[in-house]
């Protein structure tokens, strides 16, 4: 009953309730502020990694993330940077391989083309030696394609190596004879 509590008791009770309510609201506000700070501290590195990954997905392999500390997020950042470096190195190797393959295919094709044009223009008669030179260049193309197939097999670990001796003198003479028409067309002597 109201008469059981004095006015001082009621005032104390009211102040106590208001203080508890204020303290609870302040604690909730502080907890919210701390959770925002901690979540931002945790999510910022993850957002940075996500942005870098999206950039890499578009084909730009240059982004790296800043690694801070030594916790799990720092380890994730280091792993991401290592992955990005590996992808960039693989891309450089792929471009170099493509350029090398294009160069290696261009040479025998240019030789065959020059032989065929010489035959067509009547500059040369298709002698057995010249036809053999064309055939050798065609076979060189076949070997290059076979080498590419072996490279693919090596990457899939299905390659077995076979050593064999090669007569370098005969190989150099064969290569020289295949290039002789190019030298002759430029009026250069090949010795």
N, C-alpha and C. Protein backbone atom coordinates (compact mmCIF):
# COMPACT_ATOMS: atom_id res chain seq x y z
N UNK A 1 0.84 -1.20 0.00
CA UNK A 1 0.00 0.00 0.00
C UNK A 1 0.88 1.25 0.00
N UNK A 2 0.29 2.33 -0.52
CA UNK A 2 1.03 3.56 -0.65
C UNK A 2 1.48 4.10 0.70
N UNK A 3 0.74 3.89 1.69
CA UNK A 3 1.08 4.40 2.99
C UNK A 3 2.21 3.64 3.64
N UNK A 4 2.56 2.48 3.13
CA UNK A 4 3.62 1.67 3.70
C UNK A 4 4.98 2.29 3.43
N UNK A 5 5.15 2.96 2.25
CA UNK A 5 6.43 3.60 1.89
C UNK A 5 6.35 5.08 2.20
N UNK A 6 7.44 5.55 2.71
CA UNK A 6 7.50 6.98 2.96
C UNK A 6 7.82 7.71 1.67
N UNK A 7 7.66 9.01 1.66
CA UNK A 7 7.95 9.78 0.46
C UNK A 7 9.43 9.71 0.13
N UNK A 8 10.27 9.62 1.16
CA UNK A 8 11.71 9.47 0.90
C UNK A 8 12.00 8.12 0.25
N UNK A 9 11.32 7.08 0.71
CA UNK A 9 11.48 5.76 0.10
C UNK A 9 11.03 5.78 -1.36
N UNK A 10 9.94 6.46 -1.62
CA UNK A 10 9.45 6.52 -2.99
C UNK A 10 10.40 7.32 -3.86
N UNK A 11 10.95 8.38 -3.31
CA UNK A 11 11.90 9.18 -4.06
C UNK A 11 13.17 8.37 -4.33
N UNK A 12 13.64 7.65 -3.30
CA UNK A 12 14.84 6.80 -3.46
C UNK A 12 14.59 5.73 -4.52
N UNK A 13 13.42 5.14 -4.43
CA UNK A 13 13.07 4.10 -5.40
C UNK A 13 13.02 4.68 -6.81
N UNK A 14 12.48 5.85 -6.97
CA UNK A 14 12.38 6.49 -8.28
C UNK A 14 13.78 6.84 -8.82
N UNK A 15 14.62 7.39 -7.96
CA UNK A 15 15.98 7.74 -8.37
C UNK A 15 16.75 6.47 -8.73
N UNK A 16 16.60 5.43 -7.90
CA UNK A 16 17.28 4.17 -8.16
C UNK A 16 16.84 3.57 -9.50
N UNK A 17 15.54 3.57 -9.76
CA UNK A 17 15.04 3.05 -11.04
C UNK A 17 15.56 3.88 -12.21
N UNK A 18 15.56 5.20 -12.07
CA UNK A 18 16.08 6.06 -13.14
C UNK A 18 17.57 5.83 -13.35
N UNK A 19 18.30 5.66 -12.26
CA UNK A 19 19.74 5.42 -12.35
C UNK A 19 20.00 4.07 -13.03
N UNK A 20 19.25 3.06 -12.62
CA UNK A 20 19.41 1.75 -13.25
C UNK A 20 19.07 1.80 -14.74
N UNK A 21 18.01 2.50 -15.08
CA UNK A 21 17.61 2.63 -16.46
C UNK A 21 18.68 3.39 -17.26
N UNK A 22 19.19 4.49 -16.69
CA UNK A 22 20.25 5.26 -17.36
C UNK A 22 21.51 4.42 -17.52
N UNK A 23 21.84 3.68 -16.47
CA UNK A 23 23.04 2.84 -16.53
C UNK A 23 22.86 1.74 -17.58
N UNK A 24 21.69 1.13 -17.63
CA UNK A 24 21.43 0.09 -18.62
C UNK A 24 21.50 0.67 -20.04
N UNK A 25 20.93 1.85 -20.26
CA UNK A 25 20.99 2.49 -21.57
C UNK A 25 22.43 2.85 -21.94
N UNK A 26 23.20 3.36 -20.97
CA UNK A 26 24.60 3.70 -21.21
C UNK A 26 25.41 2.44 -21.52
N UNK A 27 25.16 1.36 -20.79
CA UNK A 27 25.87 0.10 -21.03
C UNK A 27 25.51 -0.45 -22.42
N UNK A 28 24.24 -0.37 -22.78
CA UNK A 28 23.83 -0.84 -24.10
C UNK A 28 24.47 0.01 -25.20
N UNK A 29 24.52 1.33 -25.00
CA UNK A 29 25.16 2.22 -25.96
C UNK A 29 26.65 1.93 -26.08
N UNK A 30 27.31 1.73 -24.93
CA UNK A 30 28.74 1.40 -24.94
C UNK A 30 28.98 0.05 -25.61
N UNK A 31 28.12 -0.93 -25.33
CA UNK A 31 28.26 -2.25 -25.96
C UNK A 31 28.06 -2.12 -27.47
N UNK A 32 27.10 -1.31 -27.90
CA UNK A 32 26.88 -1.11 -29.33
C UNK A 32 28.09 -0.43 -29.97
N UNK A 33 28.63 0.60 -29.30
CA UNK A 33 29.80 1.29 -29.82
C UNK A 33 31.00 0.35 -29.91
N UNK A 34 31.24 -0.43 -28.86
CA UNK A 34 32.36 -1.38 -28.87
C UNK A 34 32.17 -2.45 -29.96
N UNK A 35 30.94 -2.92 -30.12
CA UNK A 35 30.70 -3.94 -31.15
C UNK A 35 30.92 -3.35 -32.55
N UNK A 36 30.55 -2.09 -32.75
CA UNK A 36 30.80 -1.45 -34.04
C UNK A 36 32.30 -1.31 -34.30
N UNK A 37 33.05 -0.88 -33.28
CA UNK A 37 34.50 -0.72 -33.44
C UNK A 37 35.16 -2.07 -33.73
N UNK A 38 34.78 -3.08 -32.97
CA UNK A 38 35.38 -4.41 -33.14
C UNK A 38 34.98 -5.01 -34.50
N UNK A 39 33.71 -4.86 -34.88
CA UNK A 39 33.29 -5.42 -36.17
C UNK A 39 33.98 -4.69 -37.33
N UNK A 40 34.17 -3.37 -37.19
CA UNK A 40 34.89 -2.63 -38.23
C UNK A 40 36.34 -3.09 -38.31
N UNK A 41 36.95 -3.31 -37.14
CA UNK A 41 38.34 -3.79 -37.11
C UNK A 41 38.45 -5.16 -37.76
N UNK A 42 37.44 -6.00 -37.58
CA UNK A 42 37.45 -7.33 -38.17
C UNK A 42 37.04 -7.31 -39.65
N UNK A 43 36.09 -6.46 -39.98
CA UNK A 43 35.58 -6.49 -41.36
C UNK A 43 36.42 -5.69 -42.34
N UNK A 44 37.16 -4.69 -41.89
CA UNK A 44 37.95 -3.88 -42.82
C UNK A 44 38.95 -4.72 -43.62
N UNK A 45 39.76 -5.59 -42.98
CA UNK A 45 40.66 -6.42 -43.78
C UNK A 45 39.91 -7.36 -44.72
N UNK A 46 38.77 -7.87 -44.27
CA UNK A 46 38.00 -8.77 -45.13
C UNK A 46 37.42 -8.01 -46.33
N UNK A 47 36.97 -6.78 -46.10
CA UNK A 47 36.46 -5.97 -47.22
C UNK A 47 37.59 -5.62 -48.18
N UNK A 48 38.78 -5.36 -47.65
CA UNK A 48 39.93 -5.05 -48.51
C UNK A 48 40.28 -6.27 -49.37
N UNK A 49 40.28 -7.45 -48.77
CA UNK A 49 40.56 -8.68 -49.52
C UNK A 49 39.47 -8.91 -50.57
N UNK A 50 38.22 -8.66 -50.21
CA UNK A 50 37.11 -8.84 -51.14
C UNK A 50 37.24 -7.89 -52.33
N UNK A 51 37.58 -6.62 -52.07
CA UNK A 51 37.77 -5.66 -53.17
C UNK A 51 38.91 -6.11 -54.08
N UNK A 52 40.01 -6.55 -53.49
CA UNK A 52 41.16 -7.00 -54.29
C UNK A 52 40.79 -8.22 -55.12
N UNK A 53 40.04 -9.14 -54.53
CA UNK A 53 39.63 -10.35 -55.25
C UNK A 53 38.70 -10.00 -56.42
N UNK A 54 37.81 -9.05 -56.22
CA UNK A 54 36.92 -8.63 -57.32
C UNK A 54 37.73 -7.99 -58.44
N UNK A 55 38.73 -7.21 -58.09
CA UNK A 55 39.59 -6.60 -59.11
C UNK A 55 40.33 -7.68 -59.88
N UNK A 56 40.83 -8.69 -59.17
CA UNK A 56 41.54 -9.79 -59.82
C UNK A 56 40.60 -10.59 -60.71
N UNK A 57 39.36 -10.73 -60.30
CA UNK A 57 38.38 -11.47 -61.10
C UNK A 57 38.16 -10.80 -62.44
N UNK A 58 38.33 -9.47 -62.49
CA UNK A 58 38.18 -8.74 -63.75
C UNK A 58 39.44 -8.81 -64.61
N UNK A 59 40.49 -9.49 -64.13
CA UNK A 59 41.69 -9.70 -64.94
C UNK A 59 42.90 -8.90 -64.51
N UNK A 60 42.75 -7.98 -63.58
CA UNK A 60 43.88 -7.19 -63.09
C UNK A 60 44.49 -7.94 -61.91
N UNK A 61 45.69 -8.50 -62.11
CA UNK A 61 46.32 -9.31 -61.07
C UNK A 61 47.27 -8.51 -60.19
N UNK A 62 47.21 -7.19 -60.23
CA UNK A 62 48.15 -6.36 -59.47
C UNK A 62 47.75 -6.09 -58.02
N UNK A 63 46.48 -6.16 -57.62
CA UNK A 63 46.16 -5.76 -56.24
C UNK A 63 46.78 -6.69 -55.20
N UNK A 64 47.24 -6.05 -54.13
CA UNK A 64 47.74 -6.77 -52.95
C UNK A 64 47.07 -6.12 -51.75
N UNK A 65 46.98 -6.86 -50.66
CA UNK A 65 46.37 -6.32 -49.45
C UNK A 65 47.45 -6.02 -48.42
N UNK A 66 47.19 -5.00 -47.61
CA UNK A 66 48.13 -4.64 -46.55
C UNK A 66 47.94 -5.61 -45.39
N UNK A 67 49.05 -6.20 -44.96
CA UNK A 67 49.00 -7.18 -43.87
C UNK A 67 49.40 -6.47 -42.59
N UNK A 68 48.51 -6.52 -41.59
CA UNK A 68 48.78 -5.91 -40.29
C UNK A 68 48.65 -6.97 -39.20
N UNK A 69 49.64 -7.05 -38.35
CA UNK A 69 49.57 -7.98 -37.22
C UNK A 69 49.96 -9.39 -37.60
N UNK A 70 49.56 -10.32 -36.72
CA UNK A 70 49.90 -11.73 -36.96
C UNK A 70 48.73 -12.65 -36.65
N UNK A 71 47.53 -12.10 -36.62
CA UNK A 71 46.36 -12.92 -36.32
C UNK A 71 45.88 -13.66 -37.58
N UNK A 72 44.73 -14.27 -37.47
CA UNK A 72 44.20 -15.06 -38.58
C UNK A 72 43.92 -14.21 -39.81
N UNK A 73 43.48 -12.97 -39.61
CA UNK A 73 43.22 -12.09 -40.75
C UNK A 73 44.52 -11.72 -41.46
N UNK A 74 45.59 -11.53 -40.68
CA UNK A 74 46.90 -11.24 -41.29
C UNK A 74 47.38 -12.45 -42.08
N UNK A 75 47.16 -13.64 -41.54
CA UNK A 75 47.54 -14.86 -42.26
C UNK A 75 46.73 -15.01 -43.54
N UNK A 76 45.46 -14.67 -43.49
CA UNK A 76 44.62 -14.69 -44.68
C UNK A 76 45.14 -13.69 -45.71
N UNK A 77 45.52 -12.50 -45.26
CA UNK A 77 46.07 -11.49 -46.16
C UNK A 77 47.37 -11.97 -46.80
N UNK A 78 48.24 -12.60 -46.03
CA UNK A 78 49.49 -13.13 -46.57
C UNK A 78 49.21 -14.23 -47.60
N UNK A 79 48.26 -15.10 -47.30
CA UNK A 79 47.90 -16.16 -48.24
C UNK A 79 47.32 -15.57 -49.52
N UNK A 80 46.51 -14.53 -49.39
CA UNK A 80 45.93 -13.88 -50.56
C UNK A 80 47.03 -13.27 -51.42
N UNK A 81 47.97 -12.56 -50.79
CA UNK A 81 49.08 -11.94 -51.53
C UNK A 81 49.93 -12.99 -52.22
N UNK A 82 50.17 -14.10 -51.56
CA UNK A 82 50.95 -15.18 -52.16
C UNK A 82 50.20 -15.75 -53.38
N UNK A 83 48.92 -15.95 -53.24
CA UNK A 83 48.10 -16.44 -54.35
C UNK A 83 48.13 -15.46 -55.51
N UNK A 84 48.03 -14.16 -55.22
CA UNK A 84 48.06 -13.15 -56.28
C UNK A 84 49.41 -13.16 -57.00
N UNK A 85 50.50 -13.30 -56.25
CA UNK A 85 51.83 -13.37 -56.86
C UNK A 85 51.95 -14.60 -57.76
N UNK A 86 51.45 -15.73 -57.26
CA UNK A 86 51.50 -16.97 -58.05
C UNK A 86 50.69 -16.83 -59.34
N UNK A 87 49.52 -16.25 -59.25
CA UNK A 87 48.69 -16.06 -60.44
C UNK A 87 49.36 -15.11 -61.44
N UNK A 88 49.97 -14.05 -60.93
CA UNK A 88 50.66 -13.11 -61.82
C UNK A 88 51.85 -13.78 -62.50
N UNK A 89 52.59 -14.60 -61.75
CA UNK A 89 53.73 -15.31 -62.33
C UNK A 89 53.26 -16.31 -63.39
N UNK A 90 52.18 -17.02 -63.11
CA UNK A 90 51.63 -17.97 -64.09
C UNK A 90 51.16 -17.24 -65.35
N UNK A 91 50.58 -16.07 -65.17
CA UNK A 91 50.11 -15.30 -66.32
C UNK A 91 51.30 -14.84 -67.17
N UNK A 92 52.39 -14.40 -66.51
CA UNK A 92 53.59 -14.00 -67.26
C UNK A 92 54.15 -15.19 -68.03
N UNK A 93 54.21 -16.35 -67.38
CA UNK A 93 54.71 -17.55 -68.05
C UNK A 93 53.82 -17.96 -69.23
N UNK A 94 52.52 -17.85 -69.05
CA UNK A 94 51.59 -18.20 -70.12
C UNK A 94 51.79 -17.28 -71.33
N UNK A 95 51.94 -15.98 -71.07
CA UNK A 95 52.15 -15.04 -72.17
C UNK A 95 53.48 -15.31 -72.87
N UNK A 96 54.52 -15.62 -72.09
CA UNK A 96 55.83 -15.91 -72.69
C UNK A 96 55.75 -17.19 -73.52
N UNK A 97 55.07 -18.20 -72.99
CA UNK A 97 54.93 -19.45 -73.73
C UNK A 97 54.16 -19.22 -75.03
N UNK A 98 53.09 -18.45 -74.97
CA UNK A 98 52.31 -18.17 -76.17
C UNK A 98 53.16 -17.45 -77.22
N UNK A 99 53.96 -16.47 -76.76
CA UNK A 99 54.83 -15.75 -77.70
C UNK A 99 55.89 -16.69 -78.28
N UNK A 100 56.46 -17.55 -77.44
CA UNK A 100 57.48 -18.50 -77.92
C UNK A 100 56.88 -19.48 -78.93
N UNK A 101 55.70 -19.99 -78.64
CA UNK A 101 55.05 -20.93 -79.56
C UNK A 101 54.74 -20.25 -80.88
N UNK A 102 54.24 -19.01 -80.81
CA UNK A 102 53.94 -18.29 -82.05
C UNK A 102 55.20 -18.09 -82.87
N UNK A 103 56.30 -17.76 -82.21
CA UNK A 103 57.57 -17.58 -82.93
C UNK A 103 58.03 -18.90 -83.55
N UNK A 104 57.97 -19.96 -82.77
CA UNK A 104 58.43 -21.26 -83.27
C UNK A 104 57.57 -21.77 -84.43
N UNK A 105 56.29 -21.46 -84.42
CA UNK A 105 55.42 -21.88 -85.52
C UNK A 105 55.61 -20.98 -86.75
N UNK A 106 55.90 -19.72 -86.52
CA UNK A 106 56.06 -18.78 -87.63
C UNK A 106 57.25 -19.14 -88.52
N UNK A 107 58.36 -19.61 -87.93
CA UNK A 107 59.57 -19.87 -88.70
C UNK A 107 59.37 -20.96 -89.75
N UNK A 108 58.91 -22.16 -89.39
CA UNK A 108 58.72 -23.16 -90.44
C UNK A 108 57.63 -22.77 -91.44
N UNK A 109 56.60 -22.08 -90.97
CA UNK A 109 55.56 -21.64 -91.90
C UNK A 109 56.12 -20.65 -92.91
N UNK A 110 56.99 -19.75 -92.47
CA UNK A 110 57.61 -18.78 -93.39
C UNK A 110 58.49 -19.50 -94.41
N UNK A 111 59.21 -20.52 -93.96
CA UNK A 111 60.06 -21.28 -94.87
C UNK A 111 59.23 -22.01 -95.91
N UNK A 112 58.18 -22.69 -95.46
CA UNK A 112 57.30 -23.41 -96.40
C UNK A 112 56.67 -22.42 -97.38
N UNK A 113 56.20 -21.30 -96.87
CA UNK A 113 55.58 -20.30 -97.74
C UNK A 113 56.55 -19.78 -98.79
N UNK A 114 57.79 -19.50 -98.37
CA UNK A 114 58.76 -18.99 -99.35
C UNK A 114 59.08 -20.03 -100.41
N UNK A 115 59.15 -21.31 -100.00
CA UNK A 115 59.38 -22.38 -100.98
C UNK A 115 58.22 -22.46 -101.97
N UNK A 116 57.00 -22.46 -101.43
CA UNK A 116 55.82 -22.58 -102.29
C UNK A 116 55.69 -21.38 -103.23
N UNK A 117 55.98 -20.18 -102.73
CA UNK A 117 55.91 -19.01 -103.60
C UNK A 117 56.97 -19.08 -104.70
N UNK A 118 58.15 -19.60 -104.36
CA UNK A 118 59.19 -19.76 -105.37
C UNK A 118 58.75 -20.77 -106.43
N UNK A 119 58.08 -21.83 -106.01
CA UNK A 119 57.56 -22.82 -106.97
C UNK A 119 56.49 -22.17 -107.84
N UNK A 120 55.55 -21.44 -107.22
CA UNK A 120 54.45 -20.83 -107.95
C UNK A 120 54.94 -19.77 -108.94
N UNK A 121 55.93 -19.00 -108.53
CA UNK A 121 56.43 -17.92 -109.39
C UNK A 121 57.37 -18.42 -110.48
N UNK A 122 57.70 -19.70 -110.44
CA UNK A 122 58.58 -20.27 -111.43
C UNK A 122 60.05 -19.97 -111.18
N UNK A 123 60.37 -19.41 -110.00
CA UNK A 123 61.76 -19.13 -109.66
C UNK A 123 62.51 -20.44 -109.44
N UNK A 124 61.83 -21.39 -108.87
CA UNK A 124 62.41 -22.71 -108.61
C UNK A 124 61.58 -23.78 -109.30
N UNK A 125 62.27 -24.83 -109.66
CA UNK A 125 61.58 -26.03 -110.09
C UNK A 125 61.42 -26.91 -108.85
N UNK A 126 60.30 -27.60 -108.74
CA UNK A 126 60.11 -28.46 -107.56
C UNK A 126 60.99 -29.72 -107.65
N UNK A 127 62.24 -29.56 -107.33
CA UNK A 127 63.17 -30.70 -107.34
C UNK A 127 62.93 -31.55 -106.10
N UNK A 128 63.38 -32.80 -106.12
CA UNK A 128 63.21 -33.65 -104.93
C UNK A 128 63.84 -33.04 -103.68
N UNK A 129 65.00 -32.36 -103.83
CA UNK A 129 65.64 -31.77 -102.66
C UNK A 129 64.79 -30.65 -102.07
N UNK A 130 64.23 -29.82 -102.93
CA UNK A 130 63.42 -28.70 -102.45
C UNK A 130 62.09 -29.19 -101.88
N UNK A 131 61.53 -30.21 -102.49
CA UNK A 131 60.31 -30.80 -101.94
C UNK A 131 60.61 -31.45 -100.59
N UNK A 132 61.78 -32.08 -100.47
CA UNK A 132 62.19 -32.65 -99.18
C UNK A 132 62.34 -31.56 -98.12
N UNK A 133 62.88 -30.40 -98.52
CA UNK A 133 63.02 -29.29 -97.57
C UNK A 133 61.65 -28.83 -97.09
N UNK A 134 60.69 -28.73 -98.00
CA UNK A 134 59.31 -28.37 -97.61
C UNK A 134 58.73 -29.42 -96.67
N UNK A 135 58.96 -30.68 -97.04
CA UNK A 135 58.47 -31.77 -96.20
C UNK A 135 59.09 -31.71 -94.81
N UNK A 136 60.37 -31.41 -94.72
CA UNK A 136 61.05 -31.31 -93.42
C UNK A 136 60.44 -30.20 -92.56
N UNK A 137 60.14 -29.08 -93.20
CA UNK A 137 59.53 -27.98 -92.45
C UNK A 137 58.12 -28.36 -91.98
N UNK A 138 57.38 -29.06 -92.83
CA UNK A 138 56.06 -29.53 -92.42
C UNK A 138 56.19 -30.50 -91.25
N UNK A 139 57.20 -31.37 -91.32
CA UNK A 139 57.42 -32.31 -90.22
C UNK A 139 57.86 -31.58 -88.96
N UNK A 140 58.58 -30.47 -89.13
CA UNK A 140 58.97 -29.66 -87.98
C UNK A 140 57.73 -29.10 -87.29
N UNK A 141 56.76 -28.67 -88.08
CA UNK A 141 55.49 -28.20 -87.51
C UNK A 141 54.79 -29.33 -86.76
N UNK A 142 54.81 -30.52 -87.34
CA UNK A 142 54.19 -31.68 -86.68
C UNK A 142 54.89 -31.94 -85.35
N UNK A 143 56.24 -31.85 -85.35
CA UNK A 143 56.99 -32.07 -84.10
C UNK A 143 56.67 -30.99 -83.06
N UNK A 144 56.52 -29.74 -83.52
CA UNK A 144 56.18 -28.67 -82.59
C UNK A 144 54.82 -28.91 -81.93
N UNK A 145 53.87 -29.34 -82.74
CA UNK A 145 52.54 -29.66 -82.18
C UNK A 145 52.66 -30.83 -81.21
N UNK A 146 53.47 -31.82 -81.58
CA UNK A 146 53.71 -32.95 -80.67
C UNK A 146 54.36 -32.50 -79.38
N UNK A 147 55.30 -31.55 -79.47
CA UNK A 147 55.93 -31.01 -78.27
C UNK A 147 54.91 -30.30 -77.38
N UNK A 148 53.99 -29.58 -78.01
CA UNK A 148 52.94 -28.92 -77.23
C UNK A 148 52.05 -29.95 -76.52
N UNK A 149 51.76 -31.05 -77.22
CA UNK A 149 50.98 -32.11 -76.60
C UNK A 149 51.74 -32.73 -75.42
N UNK A 150 53.07 -32.89 -75.60
CA UNK A 150 53.88 -33.44 -74.51
C UNK A 150 53.93 -32.46 -73.33
N UNK A 151 53.98 -31.18 -73.63
CA UNK A 151 53.96 -30.18 -72.55
C UNK A 151 52.66 -30.28 -71.77
N UNK A 152 51.57 -30.45 -72.48
CA UNK A 152 50.28 -30.62 -71.80
C UNK A 152 50.29 -31.89 -70.96
N UNK A 153 50.87 -32.97 -71.51
CA UNK A 153 50.95 -34.22 -70.74
C UNK A 153 51.85 -34.06 -69.53
N UNK A 154 52.94 -33.29 -69.66
CA UNK A 154 53.84 -33.07 -68.53
C UNK A 154 53.14 -32.32 -67.41
N UNK A 155 52.29 -31.38 -67.78
CA UNK A 155 51.55 -30.64 -66.76
C UNK A 155 50.54 -31.52 -66.06
N UNK A 156 50.07 -32.56 -66.74
CA UNK A 156 49.12 -33.47 -66.10
C UNK A 156 49.83 -34.68 -65.51
N UNK A 157 51.16 -34.65 -65.48
CA UNK A 157 52.00 -35.70 -64.89
C UNK A 157 51.85 -37.05 -65.59
N UNK A 158 51.55 -37.03 -66.89
CA UNK A 158 51.42 -38.27 -67.64
C UNK A 158 52.57 -38.44 -68.63
N UNK A 159 53.71 -37.79 -68.38
CA UNK A 159 54.83 -37.78 -69.32
C UNK A 159 55.90 -38.76 -68.87
N UNK A 160 56.43 -39.51 -69.83
CA UNK A 160 57.61 -40.33 -69.55
C UNK A 160 58.70 -39.90 -70.52
N UNK A 161 59.89 -39.66 -70.00
CA UNK A 161 61.00 -39.15 -70.81
C UNK A 161 61.73 -40.30 -71.48
N UNK A 162 62.21 -40.02 -72.70
CA UNK A 162 62.97 -41.01 -73.45
C UNK A 162 64.22 -40.32 -73.98
N UNK A 163 65.39 -40.72 -73.49
CA UNK A 163 66.64 -40.12 -73.94
C UNK A 163 67.07 -40.78 -75.24
N UNK A 164 67.67 -39.97 -76.12
CA UNK A 164 68.22 -40.51 -77.35
C UNK A 164 69.37 -39.62 -77.81
N UNK A 165 70.31 -40.22 -78.52
CA UNK A 165 71.45 -39.46 -79.05
C UNK A 165 71.02 -38.74 -80.32
N UNK A 166 71.62 -37.57 -80.53
CA UNK A 166 71.31 -36.76 -81.70
C UNK A 166 72.63 -36.37 -82.36
N UNK A 167 72.68 -36.52 -83.68
CA UNK A 167 73.84 -36.10 -84.45
C UNK A 167 73.68 -34.60 -84.74
N UNK A 168 74.40 -33.77 -83.97
CA UNK A 168 74.23 -32.33 -84.09
C UNK A 168 74.68 -31.82 -85.46
N UNK A 169 75.70 -32.42 -86.02
CA UNK A 169 76.17 -32.00 -87.34
C UNK A 169 75.08 -32.16 -88.38
N UNK A 170 74.42 -33.32 -88.38
CA UNK A 170 73.34 -33.56 -89.34
C UNK A 170 72.16 -32.63 -89.07
N UNK A 171 71.88 -32.37 -87.80
CA UNK A 171 70.78 -31.48 -87.44
C UNK A 171 71.05 -30.06 -87.94
N UNK A 172 72.28 -29.57 -87.73
CA UNK A 172 72.63 -28.22 -88.19
C UNK A 172 72.58 -28.16 -89.72
N UNK A 173 73.08 -29.18 -90.39
CA UNK A 173 73.03 -29.20 -91.86
C UNK A 173 71.58 -29.19 -92.35
N UNK A 174 70.72 -29.95 -91.70
CA UNK A 174 69.30 -30.00 -92.08
C UNK A 174 68.65 -28.63 -91.89
N UNK A 175 68.92 -28.00 -90.76
CA UNK A 175 68.35 -26.67 -90.50
C UNK A 175 68.89 -25.67 -91.51
N UNK A 176 70.20 -25.74 -91.78
CA UNK A 176 70.80 -24.83 -92.75
C UNK A 176 70.19 -24.97 -94.12
N UNK A 177 69.93 -26.22 -94.54
CA UNK A 177 69.34 -26.42 -95.87
C UNK A 177 67.90 -25.90 -95.93
N UNK A 178 67.19 -25.95 -94.81
CA UNK A 178 65.82 -25.45 -94.81
C UNK A 178 65.77 -23.93 -94.87
N UNK A 179 66.83 -23.27 -94.39
CA UNK A 179 66.87 -21.81 -94.43
C UNK A 179 67.59 -21.27 -95.67
N UNK A 180 68.25 -22.15 -96.41
CA UNK A 180 69.02 -21.70 -97.58
C UNK A 180 68.18 -20.85 -98.54
N UNK A 181 66.92 -21.22 -98.84
CA UNK A 181 66.13 -20.37 -99.75
C UNK A 181 65.94 -18.95 -99.24
N UNK A 182 65.79 -18.80 -97.93
CA UNK A 182 65.64 -17.46 -97.38
C UNK A 182 66.92 -16.65 -97.58
N UNK A 183 68.06 -17.31 -97.35
CA UNK A 183 69.33 -16.63 -97.56
C UNK A 183 69.55 -16.33 -99.05
N UNK A 184 69.21 -17.30 -99.92
CA UNK A 184 69.37 -17.10 -101.36
C UNK A 184 68.52 -15.94 -101.86
N UNK A 185 67.30 -15.84 -101.33
CA UNK A 185 66.40 -14.75 -101.78
C UNK A 185 66.94 -13.38 -101.37
N UNK A 186 67.74 -13.32 -100.33
CA UNK A 186 68.36 -12.06 -99.87
C UNK A 186 69.78 -11.90 -100.44
N UNK A 187 70.20 -12.91 -101.23
CA UNK A 187 71.54 -12.92 -101.81
C UNK A 187 72.62 -12.86 -100.71
N UNK A 188 72.40 -13.72 -99.69
CA UNK A 188 73.34 -13.86 -98.58
C UNK A 188 73.83 -15.29 -98.58
N UNK A 189 75.11 -15.45 -98.32
CA UNK A 189 75.68 -16.81 -98.30
C UNK A 189 75.57 -17.40 -96.91
N UNK A 190 75.16 -18.64 -96.84
CA UNK A 190 75.07 -19.37 -95.57
C UNK A 190 76.17 -20.42 -95.56
N UNK A 191 77.09 -20.28 -94.65
CA UNK A 191 78.23 -21.22 -94.56
C UNK A 191 78.11 -22.03 -93.27
